[in-house]
C-alpha atoms as a PDB file:
ATOM      1  CA  MET A   1       3.871 -11.443 -58.449  1.00  0.00           C
ATOM      2  CA  ALA A   2       7.155 -12.158 -60.275  1.00  0.00           C
ATOM      3  CA  ILE A   3       8.572  -9.664 -62.788  1.00  0.00           C
ATOM      4  CA  THR A   4      10.412 -10.813 -65.912  1.00  0.00           C
ATOM      5  CA  ALA A   5      13.625  -9.314 -67.177  1.00  0.00           C
ATOM      6  CA  ASP A   6      11.672  -8.154 -70.286  1.00  0.00           C
ATOM      7  CA  GLU A   7       9.125  -6.422 -68.045  1.00  0.00           C
ATOM      8  CA  ALA A   8      11.750  -4.791 -66.057  1.00  0.00           C
ATOM      9  CA  THR A   9      13.547  -3.579 -69.147  1.00  0.00           C
ATOM     10  CA  ALA A  10      10.311  -2.124 -70.589  1.00  0.00           C
ATOM     11  CA  LEU A  11       9.645  -0.301 -67.210  1.00  0.00           C
ATOM     12  CA  ALA A  12      13.112   1.228 -67.233  1.00  0.00           C
ATOM     13  CA  MET A  13      13.167   2.132 -70.908  1.00  0.00           C
ATOM     14  CA  GLY A  14       9.741   3.818 -70.617  1.00  0.00           C
ATOM     15  CA  LEU A  15      11.068   6.465 -68.281  1.00  0.00           C
ATOM     16  CA  GLY A  16      12.229   8.821 -70.960  1.00  0.00           C
ATOM     17  CA  GLU A  17      15.683   9.628 -72.270  1.00  0.00           C
ATOM     18  CA  VAL A  18      16.973   6.197 -71.297  1.00  0.00           C
ATOM     19  CA  SER A  19      19.447   4.096 -73.217  1.00  0.00           C
ATOM     20  CA  ALA A  20      20.487   0.527 -72.584  1.00  0.00           C
ATOM     21  CA  VAL A  21      24.184  -0.190 -72.860  1.00  0.00           C
ATOM     22  CA  PRO A  22      26.359  -3.197 -71.889  1.00  0.00           C
ATOM     23  CA  HIS A  23      27.994  -2.818 -68.412  1.00  0.00           C
ATOM     24  CA  PHE A  24      30.344  -5.707 -67.530  1.00  0.00           C
ATOM     25  CA  ASN A  25      27.956  -8.701 -67.278  1.00  0.00           C
ATOM     26  CA  ARG A  26      24.907  -6.642 -66.882  1.00  0.00           C
ATOM     27  CA  THR A  27      22.819  -4.201 -69.047  1.00  0.00           C
ATOM     28  CA  ALA A  28      22.900  -0.660 -67.692  1.00  0.00           C
ATOM     29  CA  PHE A  29      19.982   1.769 -67.951  1.00  0.00           C
ATOM     30  CA  ARG A  30      21.215   5.307 -68.042  1.00  0.00           C
ATOM     31  CA  THR A  31      19.960   8.826 -68.398  1.00  0.00           C
ATOM     32  CA  PRO A  32      22.113  11.286 -70.327  1.00  0.00           C
ATOM     33  CA  ARG A  33      23.844  11.980 -66.942  1.00  0.00           C
ATOM     34  CA  ARG A  34      24.443   8.492 -65.382  1.00  0.00           C
ATOM     35  CA  ILE A  35      23.455   4.917 -64.799  1.00  0.00           C
ATOM     36  CA  PHE A  36      20.376   4.422 -62.619  1.00  0.00           C
ATOM     37  CA  ALA A  37      19.907   0.662 -62.857  1.00  0.00           C
ATOM     38  CA  THR A  38      21.656  -2.475 -64.122  1.00  0.00           C
ATOM     39  CA  LEU A  39      19.980  -5.767 -65.054  1.00  0.00           C
ATOM     40  CA  ALA A  40      21.795  -9.091 -64.448  1.00  0.00           C
ATOM     41  CA  ALA A  41      22.495 -11.245 -67.617  1.00  0.00           C
ATOM     42  CA  ASP A  42      20.412 -14.066 -66.098  1.00  0.00           C
ATOM     43  CA  GLY A  43      17.495 -11.643 -65.584  1.00  0.00           C
ATOM     44  CA  GLU A  44      17.130 -12.515 -61.980  1.00  0.00           C
ATOM     45  CA  ASP A  45      18.002  -9.323 -60.370  1.00  0.00           C
ATOM     46  CA  LEU A  46      18.160  -5.507 -61.023  1.00  0.00           C
ATOM     47  CA  ASN A  47      20.507  -3.193 -59.166  1.00  0.00           C
ATOM     48  CA  LEU A  48      19.192   0.296 -58.442  1.00  0.00           C
ATOM     49  CA  MET A  49      21.404   3.327 -57.808  1.00  0.00           C
ATOM     50  CA  PHE A  50      19.799   4.830 -54.703  1.00  0.00           C
ATOM     51  CA  ASP A  51      21.063   7.075 -52.079  1.00  0.00           C
ATOM     52  CA  PRO A  52      21.138   5.488 -48.448  1.00  0.00           C
ATOM     53  CA  GLU A  53      17.753   7.045 -47.585  1.00  0.00           C
ATOM     54  CA  LEU A  54      15.971   5.609 -50.612  1.00  0.00           C
ATOM     55  CA  GLN A  55      17.552   2.263 -50.032  1.00  0.00           C
ATOM     56  CA  ALA A  56      16.397   2.134 -46.375  1.00  0.00           C
ATOM     57  CA  PHE A  57      12.851   3.014 -47.450  1.00  0.00           C
ATOM     58  CA  TYR A  58      12.524   0.298 -50.226  1.00  0.00           C
ATOM     59  CA  CYS A  59      14.363  -2.331 -48.100  1.00  0.00           C
ATOM     60  CA  GLU A  60      11.848  -1.626 -45.264  1.00  0.00           C
ATOM     61  CA  GLN A  61       8.862  -1.630 -47.602  1.00  0.00           C
ATOM     62  CA  ALA A  62       9.603  -4.870 -49.378  1.00  0.00           C
ATOM     63  CA  PRO A  63      12.432  -6.828 -47.596  1.00  0.00           C
ATOM     64  CA  ASP A  64      11.819  -9.928 -49.638  1.00  0.00           C
ATOM     65  CA  ALA A  65      12.558  -8.098 -52.889  1.00  0.00           C
ATOM     66  CA  PHE A  66      14.973  -5.258 -51.914  1.00  0.00           C
ATOM     67  CA  ALA A  67      18.365  -5.528 -50.154  1.00  0.00           C
ATOM     68  CA  PRO A  68      21.668  -3.515 -50.167  1.00  0.00           C
ATOM     69  CA  VAL A  69      24.142  -4.721 -52.772  1.00  0.00           C
ATOM     70  CA  PRO A  70      26.918  -6.449 -50.779  1.00  0.00           C
ATOM     71  CA  GLY A  71      30.032  -4.491 -49.945  1.00  0.00           C
ATOM     72  CA  GLY A  72      30.905  -0.811 -50.554  1.00  0.00           C
ATOM     73  CA  TRP A  73      28.342  -0.217 -53.353  1.00  0.00           C
ATOM     74  CA  GLY A  74      25.503  -1.179 -50.971  1.00  0.00           C
ATOM     75  CA  LYS A  75      26.811   1.059 -48.309  1.00  0.00           C
ATOM     76  CA  SER A  76      26.511   3.984 -50.674  1.00  0.00           C
ATOM     77  CA  GLY A  77      22.899   3.124 -51.612  1.00  0.00           C
ATOM     78  CA  SER A  78      23.081   0.564 -54.364  1.00  0.00           C
ATOM     79  CA  THR A  79      20.240  -1.822 -53.953  1.00  0.00           C
ATOM     80  CA  ARG A  80      19.557  -5.228 -55.414  1.00  0.00           C
ATOM     81  CA  VAL A  81      16.009  -6.121 -56.410  1.00  0.00           C
ATOM     82  CA  LEU A  82      15.128  -9.790 -56.702  1.00  0.00           C
ATOM     83  CA  LEU A  83      12.648  -9.756 -59.598  1.00  0.00           C
ATOM     84  CA  ALA A  84      10.914 -12.971 -58.685  1.00  0.00           C
ATOM     85  CA  ALA A  85       9.876 -11.340 -55.332  1.00  0.00           C
ATOM     86  CA  ALA A  86       9.165  -7.758 -56.677  1.00  0.00           C
ATOM     87  CA  ASP A  87       5.718  -6.196 -56.999  1.00  0.00           C
ATOM     88  CA  PRO A  88       5.309  -4.392 -60.374  1.00  0.00           C
ATOM     89  CA  ASP A  89       3.938  -1.197 -58.749  1.00  0.00           C
ATOM     90  CA  THR A  90       6.713  -0.992 -56.161  1.00  0.00           C
ATOM     91  CA  LEU A  91       9.364  -1.663 -58.849  1.00  0.00           C
ATOM     92  CA  ARG A  92       7.920   1.011 -61.090  1.00  0.00           C
ATOM     93  CA  GLY A  93       8.147   3.521 -58.180  1.00  0.00           C
ATOM     94  CA  ALA A  94      11.665   2.389 -57.447  1.00  0.00           C
ATOM     95  CA  LEU A  95      12.836   2.809 -60.945  1.00  0.00           C
ATOM     96  CA  MET A  96      11.232   6.289 -61.169  1.00  0.00           C
ATOM     97  CA  ALA A  97      13.061   7.248 -57.968  1.00  0.00           C
ATOM     98  CA  ALA A  98      16.426   5.959 -59.239  1.00  0.00           C
ATOM     99  CA  HIS A  99      15.835   7.583 -62.656  1.00  0.00           C
ATOM    100  CA  ALA A 100      14.994  10.980 -60.991  1.00  0.00           C
ATOM    101  CA  ARG A 101      18.062  10.749 -58.847  1.00  0.00           C
ATOM    102  CA  ALA A 102      20.259   9.998 -61.907  1.00  0.00           C
ATOM    103  CA  ASN A 103      18.933  13.147 -63.569  1.00  0.00           C
ATOM    104  CA  LEU A 104      20.060  15.425 -60.775  1.00  0.00           C
ATOM    105  CA  PRO A 105      23.123  17.610 -61.405  1.00  0.00           C
ATOM    106  CA  PRO A 106      26.190  16.577 -59.525  1.00  0.00           C
ATOM    107  CA  PRO A 107      26.668  18.335 -56.183  1.00  0.00           C
ATOM    108  CA  ALA A 108      28.690  21.508 -56.253  1.00  0.00           C
ATOM    109  CA  ASN A 109      31.505  19.980 -54.196  1.00  0.00           C
ATOM    110  CA  ALA A 110      31.881  16.962 -56.585  1.00  0.00           C
ATOM    111  CA  ARG A 111      35.387  16.185 -57.606  1.00  0.00           C
ATOM    112  CA  LYS A 112      36.302  17.456 -61.146  1.00  0.00           C
ATOM    113  CA  GLY A 113      37.893  15.289 -63.829  1.00  0.00           C
ATOM    114  CA  ARG A 114      36.325  12.012 -63.000  1.00  0.00           C
END
C-alpha cells in the first residue's frame, strides 16, 4: 500500500516535540536535538537517520521500500524509504525508531563545537 507525502508528514509530526523545517530541497523533521527524517520536495521518498544496525534491519525487512542513501550518508546509516512501496505500519515503526535515536544525548566522546 502506497503512502502519500501528507500521510508520511502526519506520521512524523505525530511523534511528539517535532518541528518541520526547510532543509535544502527537502522538509526536515526534527526533535529538539536533531533531524530524524527528511521528505523529498516531490513527496516520493523519505530519508531516515538510522545507525547502520537499524538500516540493515529495515532494508532486510522491506527491501522494496528501504535502501541505504547512496554515498557516505548511507554508509553511516541514512536510509531512503520509497513511499510508494512502504507499508504504513513498517514506516510508522521506522519513524519511531529514527525519532527515538534523534532524542538520544550525543555520545560522551562527540567532538565539541560542531
